[in-house]
Amino acid sequence: MDVDLLLLDEPFASVDPEARKFLIEKLNELKNLGKTIIISDHVFDDYQNICDHVFSFKNQTVYELSFEETRKLFDIKASDKKSIFALPTLNNAKVFSLKNTEIRQNRLLLKQDDLKIYKGKITLITGPNGVGKSSFFKALTKMIPYEGSMTFENQEIAKLKARKYLLHVAQIFQCTDDQFLAVTVQDEINLSKKDRNPYFTDERIKEALKLLDLDTHLDQVVYSLSGGQKKKLQILLMLITKHEVLLIDEPLSGLDKNSIKQVVQLMREAQKSLQQTFLIISHQIDELADLCDYRLNLDDQQLNYISEAPYESKS
């Protein structure tokens, strides 16, 4: 649009690294045409040499960073250590199996001859935007059909009754508002506690709320929370519920570095206690590398286990 001012609030959350770089380059072209662009972001990759001014919120005040502060903010040295993932062994117990599986949504997204996803493990699922990662989750939760065979605990998913099956397998949606059912934060917590997993005692829930800086928002309407607060609450609610498998779509999008650490810590402690199976879709590979056991990359309609990425996010 031919406007003079663009205000962008977390515009690249859930965008893959190549698309992010491309879009920022396009914004830079608009800037050079005389447009004013103001961006709020937690991830600073690709902004160096493009931003003319950098402002920060601190103690309820907005102030401009000095040249030295800006340099330090953008001077993120590339680490020699790349995110390396283990490859599964034949001894691993499987939770999902795919055989001659096809998933379509207007076009063919997945054509998988054979794949096993392993029980009690955390598997990261990566790949460019639009290849079908979220559609794969929808097929696993019976929201869209599939062709061929896809089993859960050796039972064909298409033949399982949804109500019974979804007591075992649940999805944390990319859009937080799709997850909420109640009005206030406390109402949502109480709803999740009705059939909670044994790890989340009242005391642990209280500790988790404090860890996530949500303990002072219990009476607040969930839809009035900030995007980051809603994301943290959404993940906590689903961790509290009693599910053996959680499909987690973009858990870190819109979170600052401290919130990412909080969420990863909570997910690690919960999964370790109950040996749940987590499948996590994310482009923030480095932030999740230490949490995840394996990595599946979806590209060219195929899911493949890899140890290193065809593309990497920056630390």
C-alpha atoms as a PDB file:
ATOM      1  CA  MET A   1       0.000   0.000   0.000  1.00  0.00           C
ATOM      2  CA  ASP A   2       1.219   3.508  -0.825  1.00  0.00           C
ATOM      3  CA  VAL A   3       1.191   4.893   2.719  1.00  0.00           C
ATOM      4  CA  ASP A   4       3.684   7.215   4.386  1.00  0.00           C
ATOM      5  CA  LEU A   5       3.933   5.361   7.716  1.00  0.00           C
ATOM      6  CA  LEU A   6       4.088   1.622   8.425  1.00  0.00           C
ATOM      7  CA  LEU A   7       3.671   0.357  12.035  1.00  0.00           C
ATOM      8  CA  LEU A   8       4.686  -3.314  12.282  1.00  0.00           C
ATOM      9  CA  ASP A   9       4.119  -5.268  15.499  1.00  0.00           C
ATOM     10  CA  GLU A  10       6.145  -8.532  15.596  1.00  0.00           C
ATOM     11  CA  PRO A  11       5.719  -8.849  11.814  1.00  0.00           C
ATOM     12  CA  PHE A  12       8.063 -11.823  11.396  1.00  0.00           C
ATOM     13  CA  ALA A  13       6.869 -14.111  14.191  1.00  0.00           C
ATOM     14  CA  SER A  14       6.523 -17.625  12.686  1.00  0.00           C
ATOM     15  CA  VAL A  15       8.263 -16.550   9.457  1.00  0.00           C
ATOM     16  CA  ASP A  16      11.112 -18.747   8.221  1.00  0.00           C
ATOM     17  CA  PRO A  17      14.629 -17.189   8.125  1.00  0.00           C
ATOM     18  CA  GLU A  18      14.852 -16.782   4.350  1.00  0.00           C
ATOM     19  CA  ALA A  19      11.447 -15.097   4.117  1.00  0.00           C
ATOM     20  CA  ARG A  20      12.305 -12.854   7.078  1.00  0.00           C
ATOM     21  CA  LYS A  21      15.507 -11.651   5.386  1.00  0.00           C
ATOM     22  CA  PHE A  22      13.682 -11.077   2.090  1.00  0.00           C
ATOM     23  CA  LEU A  23      10.909  -9.036   3.738  1.00  0.00           C
ATOM     24  CA  ILE A  24      13.325  -6.880   5.736  1.00  0.00           C
ATOM     25  CA  GLU A  25      15.213  -6.112   2.522  1.00  0.00           C
ATOM     26  CA  LYS A  26      11.903  -5.001   0.963  1.00  0.00           C
ATOM     27  CA  LEU A  27      11.206  -2.764   3.968  1.00  0.00           C
ATOM     28  CA  ASN A  28      14.641  -1.229   3.495  1.00  0.00           C
ATOM     29  CA  GLU A  29      13.755  -0.444  -0.120  1.00  0.00           C
ATOM     30  CA  LEU A  30      10.596   1.312   1.078  1.00  0.00           C
ATOM     31  CA  LYS A  31      12.652   3.271   3.608  1.00  0.00           C
ATOM     32  CA  ASN A  32      14.949   4.420   0.804  1.00  0.00           C
ATOM     33  CA  LEU A  33      11.856   5.662  -1.042  1.00  0.00           C
ATOM     34  CA  GLY A  34      11.111   7.961   1.899  1.00  0.00           C
ATOM     35  CA  LYS A  35       8.648   5.841   3.876  1.00  0.00           C
ATOM     36  CA  THR A  36       8.716   5.892   7.696  1.00  0.00           C
ATOM     37  CA  ILE A  37       8.761   2.412   9.236  1.00  0.00           C
ATOM     38  CA  ILE A  38       8.429   1.619  12.954  1.00  0.00           C
ATOM     39  CA  ILE A  39       8.905  -2.016  13.990  1.00  0.00           C
ATOM     40  CA  SER A  40       8.421  -3.731  17.349  1.00  0.00           C
ATOM     41  CA  ASP A  41      10.429  -6.960  17.556  1.00  0.00           C
ATOM     42  CA  HIS A  42      12.191  -9.318  19.989  1.00  0.00           C
ATOM     43  CA  VAL A  43      14.476 -10.880  17.366  1.00  0.00           C
ATOM     44  CA  PHE A  44      17.203  -8.618  15.990  1.00  0.00           C
ATOM     45  CA  ASP A  45      18.546 -10.723  13.102  1.00  0.00           C
ATOM     46  CA  ASP A  46      18.896  -8.916   9.745  1.00  0.00           C
ATOM     47  CA  TYR A  47      18.261  -5.402  11.124  1.00  0.00           C
ATOM     48  CA  GLN A  48      21.914  -4.367  11.307  1.00  0.00           C
ATOM     49  CA  ASN A  49      22.789  -1.516   8.901  1.00  0.00           C
ATOM     50  CA  ILE A  50      19.067  -1.026   8.160  1.00  0.00           C
ATOM     51  CA  CYS A  51      17.632   0.612  11.304  1.00  0.00           C
ATOM     52  CA  ASP A  52      18.408   4.320  11.705  1.00  0.00           C
ATOM     53  CA  HIS A  53      17.198   4.546  15.298  1.00  0.00           C
ATOM     54  CA  VAL A  54      16.658   1.931  18.015  1.00  0.00           C
ATOM     55  CA  PHE A  55      14.437   2.565  21.030  1.00  0.00           C
ATOM     56  CA  SER A  56      13.946   0.458  24.144  1.00  0.00           C
ATOM     57  CA  PHE A  57      11.260   0.225  26.815  1.00  0.00           C
ATOM     58  CA  LYS A  58      12.644   0.374  30.348  1.00  0.00           C
ATOM     59  CA  ASN A  59      10.844   1.253  33.603  1.00  0.00           C
ATOM     60  CA  GLN A  60       7.765   2.429  31.682  1.00  0.00           C
ATOM     61  CA  THR A  61       9.897   4.822  29.639  1.00  0.00           C
ATOM     62  CA  VAL A  62      10.945   4.753  26.001  1.00  0.00           C
ATOM     63  CA  TYR A  63      14.516   5.895  25.359  1.00  0.00           C
ATOM     64  CA  GLU A  64      16.807   5.854  22.341  1.00  0.00           C
ATOM     65  CA  LEU A  65      19.835   3.583  22.457  1.00  0.00           C
ATOM     66  CA  SER A  66      23.239   5.174  22.018  1.00  0.00           C
ATOM     67  CA  PHE A  67      25.503   4.229  19.116  1.00  0.00           C
ATOM     68  CA  GLU A  68      27.455   1.863  21.382  1.00  0.00           C
ATOM     69  CA  GLU A  69      24.295   0.260  22.809  1.00  0.00           C
ATOM     70  CA  THR A  70      22.930  -0.237  19.295  1.00  0.00           C
ATOM     71  CA  ARG A  71      26.204  -1.774  18.121  1.00  0.00           C
ATOM     72  CA  LYS A  72      26.172  -4.246  21.006  1.00  0.00           C
ATOM     73  CA  LEU A  73      22.540  -5.118  20.341  1.00  0.00           C
ATOM     74  CA  PHE A  74      23.224  -6.008  16.712  1.00  0.00           C
ATOM     75  CA  ASP A  75      26.736  -7.382  17.176  1.00  0.00           C
ATOM     76  CA  ILE A  76      25.605 -10.987  17.481  1.00  0.00           C
ATOM     77  CA  LYS A  77      28.603 -13.101  16.628  1.00  0.00           C
ATOM     78  CA  ALA A  78      27.848 -16.247  14.647  1.00  0.00           C
ATOM     79  CA  SER A  79      28.670 -19.221  16.823  1.00  0.00           C
ATOM     80  CA  ASP A  80      31.112 -21.830  15.538  1.00  0.00           C
ATOM     81  CA  LYS A  81      28.859 -24.429  17.122  1.00  0.00           C
ATOM     82  CA  LYS A  82      25.914 -25.357  14.929  1.00  0.00           C
ATOM     83  CA  SER A  83      22.758 -26.909  16.296  1.00  0.00           C
ATOM     84  CA  ILE A  84      23.326 -30.648  15.965  1.00  0.00           C
ATOM     85  CA  PHE A  85      20.592 -33.221  16.525  1.00  0.00           C
ATOM     86  CA  ALA A  86      20.842 -36.935  17.185  1.00  0.00           C
ATOM     87  CA  LEU A  87      19.369 -39.423  14.731  1.00  0.00           C
ATOM     88  CA  PRO A  88      16.896 -41.993  16.111  1.00  0.00           C
ATOM     89  CA  THR A  89      17.869 -45.647  16.454  1.00  0.00           C
ATOM     90  CA  LEU A  90      15.877 -48.769  15.681  1.00  0.00           C
ATOM     91  CA  ASN A  91      15.529 -49.441  19.405  1.00  0.00           C
ATOM     92  CA  ASN A  92      13.259 -46.431  19.969  1.00  0.00           C
ATOM     93  CA  ALA A  93       9.589 -47.194  20.659  1.00  0.00           C
ATOM     94  CA  LYS A  94       7.289 -45.483  18.148  1.00  0.00           C
ATOM     95  CA  VAL A  95       4.167 -43.474  18.890  1.00  0.00           C
ATOM     96  CA  PHE A  96       3.174 -42.519  15.302  1.00  0.00           C
ATOM     97  CA  SER A  97       3.848 -44.470  12.099  1.00  0.00           C
ATOM     98  CA  LEU A  98       3.234 -43.289   8.537  1.00  0.00           C
ATOM     99  CA  LYS A  99       3.074 -45.685   5.579  1.00  0.00           C
ATOM    100  CA  ASN A 100       2.309 -44.502   2.029  1.00  0.00           C
ATOM    101  CA  THR A 101       0.712 -41.420   3.597  1.00  0.00           C
ATOM    102  CA  GLU A 102      -0.549 -38.461   1.599  1.00  0.00           C
ATOM    103  CA  ILE A 103      -1.924 -35.183   2.959  1.00  0.00           C
ATOM    104  CA  ARG A 104      -3.604 -32.647   0.706  1.00  0.00           C
ATOM    105  CA  GLN A 105      -5.091 -29.198   1.195  1.00  0.00           C
ATOM    106  CA  ASN A 106      -5.887 -27.965  -2.331  1.00  0.00           C
ATOM    107  CA  ARG A 107      -2.505 -29.423  -3.301  1.00  0.00           C
ATOM    108  CA  LEU A 108      -0.309 -32.331  -2.278  1.00  0.00           C
ATOM    109  CA  LEU A 109       1.636 -31.367   0.861  1.00  0.00           C
ATOM    110  CA  LEU A 110       3.017 -34.676   2.093  1.00  0.00           C
ATOM    111  CA  LYS A 111       3.828 -37.910   0.293  1.00  0.00           C
ATOM    112  CA  GLN A 112       5.534 -40.125   2.870  1.00  0.00           C
ATOM    113  CA  ASP A 113       6.535 -43.706   2.073  1.00  0.00           C
ATOM    114  CA  ASP A 114       7.588 -44.603   5.603  1.00  0.00           C
ATOM    115  CA  LEU A 115       8.163 -42.676   8.838  1.00  0.00           C
ATOM    116  CA  LYS A 116       8.241 -43.394  12.551  1.00  0.00           C
ATOM    117  CA  ILE A 117       7.922 -40.763  15.288  1.00  0.00           C
ATOM    118  CA  TYR A 118       9.276 -41.851  18.631  1.00  0.00           C
ATOM    119  CA  LYS A 119       7.599 -42.171  22.001  1.00  0.00           C
ATOM    120  CA  GLY A 120       8.724 -40.145  25.009  1.00  0.00           C
ATOM    121  CA  LYS A 121      10.944 -37.921  22.847  1.00  0.00           C
ATOM    122  CA  ILE A 122      10.864 -34.268  21.810  1.00  0.00           C
ATOM    123  CA  THR A 123      11.020 -33.882  18.032  1.00  0.00           C
ATOM    124  CA  LEU A 124      11.471 -30.519  16.328  1.00  0.00           C
ATOM    125  CA  ILE A 125       9.734 -30.106  12.952  1.00  0.00           C
ATOM    126  CA  THR A 126      11.189 -27.506  10.611  1.00  0.00           C
ATOM    127  CA  GLY A 127      10.827 -26.382   7.022  1.00  0.00           C
ATOM    128  CA  PRO A 128       9.966 -23.260   4.991  1.00  0.00           C
ATOM    129  CA  ASN A 129       6.613 -21.513   5.390  1.00  0.00           C
ATOM    130  CA  GLY A 130       3.751 -23.099   3.484  1.00  0.00           C
ATOM    131  CA  VAL A 131       5.169 -26.606   3.045  1.00  0.00           C
ATOM    132  CA  GLY A 132       2.498 -28.230   5.231  1.00  0.00           C
ATOM    133  CA  LYS A 133       3.838 -28.484   8.786  1.00  0.00           C
ATOM    134  CA  SER A 134       0.634 -27.230  10.436  1.00  0.00           C
ATOM    135  CA  SER A 135      -1.455 -29.362   8.060  1.00  0.00           C
ATOM    136  CA  PHE A 136       0.514 -32.407   9.248  1.00  0.00           C
ATOM    137  CA  PHE A 137      -0.545 -31.558  12.810  1.00  0.00           C
ATOM    138  CA  LYS A 138      -4.152 -31.160  11.658  1.00  0.00           C
ATOM    139  CA  ALA A 139      -4.059 -34.628  10.133  1.00  0.00           C
ATOM    140  CA  LEU A 140      -2.603 -36.061  13.345  1.00  0.00           C
ATOM    141  CA  THR A 141      -5.507 -34.548  15.319  1.00  0.00           C
ATOM    142  CA  LYS A 142      -8.224 -35.644  12.832  1.00  0.00           C
ATOM    143  CA  MET A 143      -8.996 -32.076  11.734  1.00  0.00           C
ATOM    144  CA  ILE A 144      -8.296 -32.923   8.073  1.00  0.00           C
ATOM    145  CA  PRO A 145      -8.276 -36.304   6.281  1.00  0.00           C
ATOM    146  CA  TYR A 146      -5.283 -38.206   4.972  1.00  0.00           C
ATOM    147  CA  GLU A 147      -4.733 -41.046   2.523  1.00  0.00           C
ATOM    148  CA  GLY A 148      -2.747 -44.200   3.194  1.00  0.00           C
ATOM    149  CA  SER A 149      -1.881 -45.260   6.734  1.00  0.00           C
ATOM    150  CA  MET A 150      -1.125 -43.153   9.804  1.00  0.00           C
ATOM    151  CA  THR A 151      -1.221 -44.931  13.158  1.00  0.00           C
ATOM    152  CA  PHE A 152      -1.096 -43.961  16.821  1.00  0.00           C
ATOM    153  CA  GLU A 153       0.136 -46.756  19.096  1.00  0.00           C
ATOM    154  CA  ASN A 154      -0.392 -49.179  16.149  1.00  0.00           C
ATOM    155  CA  GLN A 155      -4.034 -48.104  15.678  1.00  0.00           C
ATOM    156  CA  GLU A 156      -5.177 -46.395  12.489  1.00  0.00           C
ATOM    157  CA  ILE A 157      -5.975 -42.775  13.411  1.00  0.00           C
ATOM    158  CA  ALA A 158      -8.829 -42.495  10.877  1.00  0.00           C
ATOM    159  CA  LYS A 159     -10.631 -45.382  12.606  1.00  0.00           C
ATOM    160  CA  LEU A 160     -10.270 -44.022  16.141  1.00  0.00           C
ATOM    161  CA  LYS A 161     -13.146 -42.085  17.703  1.00  0.00           C
ATOM    162  CA  ALA A 162     -12.103 -38.451  17.998  1.00  0.00           C
ATOM    163  CA  ARG A 163     -13.323 -37.948  21.570  1.00  0.00           C
ATOM    164  CA  LYS A 164     -11.313 -40.911  22.884  1.00  0.00           C
ATOM    165  CA  TYR A 165      -8.228 -40.318  20.724  1.00  0.00           C
ATOM    166  CA  LEU A 166      -7.954 -36.624  21.623  1.00  0.00           C
ATOM    167  CA  LEU A 167      -7.732 -37.541  25.309  1.00  0.00           C
ATOM    168  CA  HIS A 168      -4.264 -38.843  24.412  1.00  0.00           C
ATOM    169  CA  VAL A 169      -3.145 -36.398  21.706  1.00  0.00           C
ATOM    170  CA  ALA A 170      -3.605 -32.600  21.883  1.00  0.00           C
ATOM    171  CA  GLN A 171      -2.450 -29.627  19.849  1.00  0.00           C
ATOM    172  CA  ILE A 172      -1.167 -26.248  21.015  1.00  0.00           C
ATOM    173  CA  PHE A 173      -2.317 -23.960  18.212  1.00  0.00           C
ATOM    174  CA  GLN A 174      -0.167 -21.299  16.578  1.00  0.00           C
ATOM    175  CA  CYS A 175      -2.929 -18.728  17.213  1.00  0.00           C
ATOM    176  CA  THR A 176      -3.338 -18.414  20.984  1.00  0.00           C
ATOM    177  CA  ASP A 177      -6.934 -17.142  20.859  1.00  0.00           C
ATOM    178  CA  ASP A 178      -8.011 -20.447  19.270  1.00  0.00           C
ATOM    179  CA  GLN A 179      -7.057 -22.234  22.509  1.00  0.00           C
ATOM    180  CA  PHE A 180      -8.933 -20.260  25.155  1.00  0.00           C
ATOM    181  CA  LEU A 181     -12.372 -21.330  26.381  1.00  0.00           C
ATOM    182  CA  ALA A 182     -12.909 -19.311  29.581  1.00  0.00           C
ATOM    183  CA  VAL A 183     -12.841 -15.623  30.522  1.00  0.00           C
ATOM    184  CA  THR A 184     -10.051 -14.911  33.024  1.00  0.00           C
ATOM    185  CA  VAL A 185      -6.616 -16.417  33.525  1.00  0.00           C
ATOM    186  CA  GLN A 186      -7.814 -18.084  36.752  1.00  0.00           C
ATOM    187  CA  ASP A 187     -10.867 -19.524  34.951  1.00  0.00           C
ATOM    188  CA  GLU A 188      -8.589 -21.068  32.324  1.00  0.00           C
ATOM    189  CA  ILE A 189      -6.296 -22.538  34.993  1.00  0.00           C
ATOM    190  CA  ASN A 190      -9.281 -24.032  36.837  1.00  0.00           C
ATOM    191  CA  LEU A 191     -10.550 -25.569  33.596  1.00  0.00           C
ATOM    192  CA  SER A 192      -7.213 -27.253  32.885  1.00  0.00           C
ATOM    193  CA  LYS A 193      -6.973 -28.527  36.460  1.00  0.00           C
ATOM    194  CA  LYS A 194     -10.175 -30.584  36.087  1.00  0.00           C
ATOM    195  CA  ASP A 195      -8.237 -33.382  34.373  1.00  0.00           C
ATOM    196  CA  ARG A 196      -4.645 -32.492  35.105  1.00  0.00           C
ATOM    197  CA  ASN A 197      -1.530 -34.608  34.825  1.00  0.00           C
ATOM    198  CA  PRO A 198      -0.088 -35.603  38.215  1.00  0.00           C
ATOM    199  CA  TYR A 199       3.051 -33.493  37.863  1.00  0.00           C
ATOM    200  CA  PHE A 200       1.124 -30.221  38.075  1.00  0.00           C
ATOM    201  CA  THR A 201       0.071 -29.983  41.695  1.00  0.00           C
ATOM    202  CA  ASP A 202      -1.459 -26.711  42.917  1.00  0.00           C
ATOM    203  CA  GLU A 203       1.949 -25.728  44.245  1.00  0.00           C
ATOM    204  CA  ARG A 204       3.681 -26.428  40.916  1.00  0.00           C
ATOM    205  CA  ILE A 205       1.024 -24.461  39.043  1.00  0.00           C
ATOM    206  CA  LYS A 206       1.591 -21.550  41.403  1.00  0.00           C
ATOM    207  CA  GLU A 207       5.363 -21.798  40.809  1.00  0.00           C
ATOM    208  CA  ALA A 208       4.846 -21.974  37.038  1.00  0.00           C
ATOM    209  CA  LEU A 209       2.617 -18.886  37.042  1.00  0.00           C
ATOM    210  CA  LYS A 210       5.318 -17.019  38.948  1.00  0.00           C
ATOM    211  CA  LEU A 211       8.057 -18.274  36.608  1.00  0.00           C
ATOM    212  CA  LEU A 212       6.070 -17.033  33.610  1.00  0.00           C
ATOM    213  CA  ASP A 213       5.248 -13.680  35.277  1.00  0.00           C
ATOM    214  CA  LEU A 214       1.531 -14.474  35.116  1.00  0.00           C
ATOM    215  CA  ASP A 215       0.859 -14.717  38.856  1.00  0.00           C
ATOM    216  CA  THR A 216      -0.313 -11.085  39.077  1.00  0.00           C
ATOM    217  CA  HIS A 217      -2.732 -11.471  36.134  1.00  0.00           C
ATOM    218  CA  LEU A 218      -5.079 -14.159  37.490  1.00  0.00           C
ATOM    219  CA  ASP A 219      -8.166 -11.931  37.418  1.00  0.00           C
ATOM    220  CA  GLN A 220      -7.381 -10.470  34.008  1.00  0.00           C
ATOM    221  CA  VAL A 221      -9.476 -11.330  30.937  1.00  0.00           C
ATOM    222  CA  VAL A 222      -7.322 -13.601  28.766  1.00  0.00           C
ATOM    223  CA  TYR A 223      -7.995 -11.625  25.584  1.00  0.00           C
ATOM    224  CA  SER A 224      -6.640  -8.451  27.206  1.00  0.00           C
ATOM    225  CA  LEU A 225      -3.227 -10.037  27.824  1.00  0.00           C
ATOM    226  CA  SER A 226      -0.303  -9.130  25.591  1.00  0.00           C
ATOM    227  CA  GLY A 227       0.610 -11.520  22.775  1.00  0.00           C
ATOM    228  CA  GLY A 228       3.560 -12.901  24.741  1.00  0.00           C
ATOM    229  CA  GLN A 229       1.505 -13.350  27.914  1.00  0.00           C
ATOM    230  CA  LYS A 230      -1.191 -15.221  25.985  1.00  0.00           C
ATOM    231  CA  LYS A 231       1.420 -17.510  24.423  1.00  0.00           C
ATOM    232  CA  LYS A 232       2.921 -18.368  27.845  1.00  0.00           C
ATOM    233  CA  LEU A 233      -0.523 -19.004  29.348  1.00  0.00           C
ATOM    234  CA  GLN A 234      -1.540 -21.156  26.387  1.00  0.00           C
ATOM    235  CA  ILE A 235       1.504 -23.420  26.788  1.00  0.00           C
ATOM    236  CA  LEU A 236       1.049 -23.723  30.558  1.00  0.00           C
ATOM    237  CA  LEU A 237      -2.634 -24.676  30.175  1.00  0.00           C
ATOM    238  CA  MET A 238      -1.835 -27.475  27.756  1.00  0.00           C
ATOM    239  CA  LEU A 239       1.066 -28.761  29.846  1.00  0.00           C
ATOM    240  CA  ILE A 240      -1.280 -28.995  32.849  1.00  0.00           C
ATOM    241  CA  THR A 241      -3.774 -31.183  30.968  1.00  0.00           C
ATOM    242  CA  LYS A 242      -3.356 -34.954  30.945  1.00  0.00           C
ATOM    243  CA  HIS A 243      -2.149 -35.813  27.427  1.00  0.00           C
ATOM    244  CA  GLU A 244       0.506 -38.316  26.404  1.00  0.00           C
ATOM    245  CA  VAL A 245       1.330 -36.411  23.204  1.00  0.00           C
ATOM    246  CA  LEU A 246       1.442 -32.646  22.628  1.00  0.00           C
ATOM    247  CA  LEU A 247       1.705 -31.157  19.141  1.00  0.00           C
ATOM    248  CA  ILE A 248       3.101 -27.662  19.715  1.00  0.00           C
ATOM    249  CA  ASP A 249       2.935 -25.128  16.882  1.00  0.00           C
ATOM    250  CA  GLU A 250       5.369 -22.173  17.146  1.00  0.00           C
ATOM    251  CA  PRO A 251       5.650 -22.023  20.967  1.00  0.00           C
ATOM    252  CA  LEU A 252       8.249 -19.221  20.975  1.00  0.00           C
ATOM    253  CA  SER A 253       6.754 -16.776  18.468  1.00  0.00           C
ATOM    254  CA  GLY A 254       6.445 -13.267  19.883  1.00  0.00           C
ATOM    255  CA  LEU A 255       8.415 -14.063  23.059  1.00  0.00           C
ATOM    256  CA  ASP A 256      11.398 -12.070  24.332  1.00  0.00           C
ATOM    257  CA  LYS A 257      14.630 -13.871  25.280  1.00  0.00           C
ATOM    258  CA  ASN A 258      13.750 -14.135  28.974  1.00  0.00           C
ATOM    259  CA  SER A 259      10.281 -15.505  28.210  1.00  0.00           C
ATOM    260  CA  ILE A 260      11.815 -18.064  25.835  1.00  0.00           C
ATOM    261  CA  LYS A 261      14.038 -19.312  28.653  1.00  0.00           C
ATOM    262  CA  GLN A 262      11.017 -19.526  30.984  1.00  0.00           C
ATOM    263  CA  VAL A 263       8.911 -21.491  28.502  1.00  0.00           C
ATOM    264  CA  VAL A 264      11.719 -23.878  27.538  1.00  0.00           C
ATOM    265  CA  GLN A 265      12.480 -24.546  31.215  1.00  0.00           C
ATOM    266  CA  LEU A 266       8.821 -25.302  31.945  1.00  0.00           C
ATOM    267  CA  MET A 267       8.480 -27.609  28.928  1.00  0.00           C
ATOM    268  CA  ARG A 268      11.687 -29.452  29.819  1.00  0.00           C
ATOM    269  CA  GLU A 269      10.662 -30.060  33.437  1.00  0.00           C
ATOM    270  CA  ALA A 270       7.140 -31.220  32.532  1.00  0.00           C
ATOM    271  CA  GLN A 271       8.268 -33.555  29.742  1.00  0.00           C
ATOM    272  CA  LYS A 272      11.086 -35.068  31.805  1.00  0.00           C
ATOM    273  CA  SER A 273       8.732 -35.818  34.687  1.00  0.00           C
ATOM    274  CA  LEU A 274       6.073 -37.605  32.617  1.00  0.00           C
ATOM    275  CA  GLN A 275       8.106 -38.758  29.581  1.00  0.00           C
ATOM    276  CA  GLN A 276       5.506 -37.225  27.271  1.00  0.00           C
ATOM    277  CA  THR A 277       5.973 -37.060  23.514  1.00  0.00           C
ATOM    278  CA  PHE A 278       6.341 -33.507  22.162  1.00  0.00           C
ATOM    279  CA  LEU A 279       6.291 -32.574  18.479  1.00  0.00           C
ATOM    280  CA  ILE A 280       7.269 -28.915  18.058  1.00  0.00           C
ATOM    281  CA  ILE A 281       6.977 -26.816  14.898  1.00  0.00           C
ATOM    282  CA  SER A 282       9.353 -23.858  14.999  1.00  0.00           C
ATOM    283  CA  HIS A 283      11.767 -21.754  12.964  1.00  0.00           C
ATOM    284  CA  GLN A 284      13.688 -20.810  16.151  1.00  0.00           C
ATOM    285  CA  ILE A 285      16.035 -23.757  15.907  1.00  0.00           C
ATOM    286  CA  ASP A 286      18.883 -22.583  18.123  1.00  0.00           C
ATOM    287  CA  GLU A 287      16.589 -21.733  21.030  1.00  0.00           C
ATOM    288  CA  LEU A 288      15.081 -25.245  20.986  1.00  0.00           C
ATOM    289  CA  ALA A 289      18.134 -27.316  20.071  1.00  0.00           C
ATOM    290  CA  ASP A 290      19.040 -28.237  23.657  1.00  0.00           C
ATOM    291  CA  LEU A 291      15.421 -29.187  24.421  1.00  0.00           C
ATOM    292  CA  CYS A 292      14.779 -31.449  21.430  1.00  0.00           C
ATOM    293  CA  ASP A 293      16.025 -34.991  20.864  1.00  0.00           C
ATOM    294  CA  TYR A 294      15.442 -35.228  17.112  1.00  0.00           C
ATOM    295  CA  ARG A 295      14.718 -33.011  14.161  1.00  0.00           C
ATOM    296  CA  LEU A 296      12.404 -33.690  11.225  1.00  0.00           C
ATOM    297  CA  ASN A 297      12.632 -31.370   8.234  1.00  0.00           C
ATOM    298  CA  LEU A 298       9.685 -31.074   5.840  1.00  0.00           C
ATOM    299  CA  ASP A 299      10.551 -30.115   2.294  1.00  0.00           C
ATOM    300  CA  ASP A 300       9.620 -31.400  -1.158  1.00  0.00           C
ATOM    301  CA  GLN A 301       6.630 -33.228   0.388  1.00  0.00           C
ATOM    302  CA  GLN A 302       8.890 -35.399   2.554  1.00  0.00           C
ATOM    303  CA  LEU A 303       9.689 -35.523   6.279  1.00  0.00           C
ATOM    304  CA  ASN A 304      13.268 -36.586   6.957  1.00  0.00           C
ATOM    305  CA  TYR A 305      15.346 -36.857  10.126  1.00  0.00           C
ATOM    306  CA  ILE A 306      18.416 -34.636   9.894  1.00  0.00           C
ATOM    307  CA  SER A 307      21.272 -33.778  12.211  1.00  0.00           C
ATOM    308  CA  GLU A 308      22.068 -30.367  10.692  1.00  0.00           C
ATOM    309  CA  ALA A 309      19.764 -27.888   8.998  1.00  0.00           C
ATOM    310  CA  PRO A 310      19.558 -26.916   5.345  1.00  0.00           C
ATOM    311  CA  TYR A 311      18.956 -23.459   6.814  1.00  0.00           C
ATOM    312  CA  GLU A 312      19.605 -22.229  10.352  1.00  0.00           C
ATOM    313  CA  SER A 313      18.188 -19.464  12.479  1.00  0.00           C
ATOM    314  CA  LYS A 314      20.683 -17.161  14.151  1.00  0.00           C
ATOM    315  CA  SER A 315      21.481 -17.267  17.846  1.00  0.00           C
END
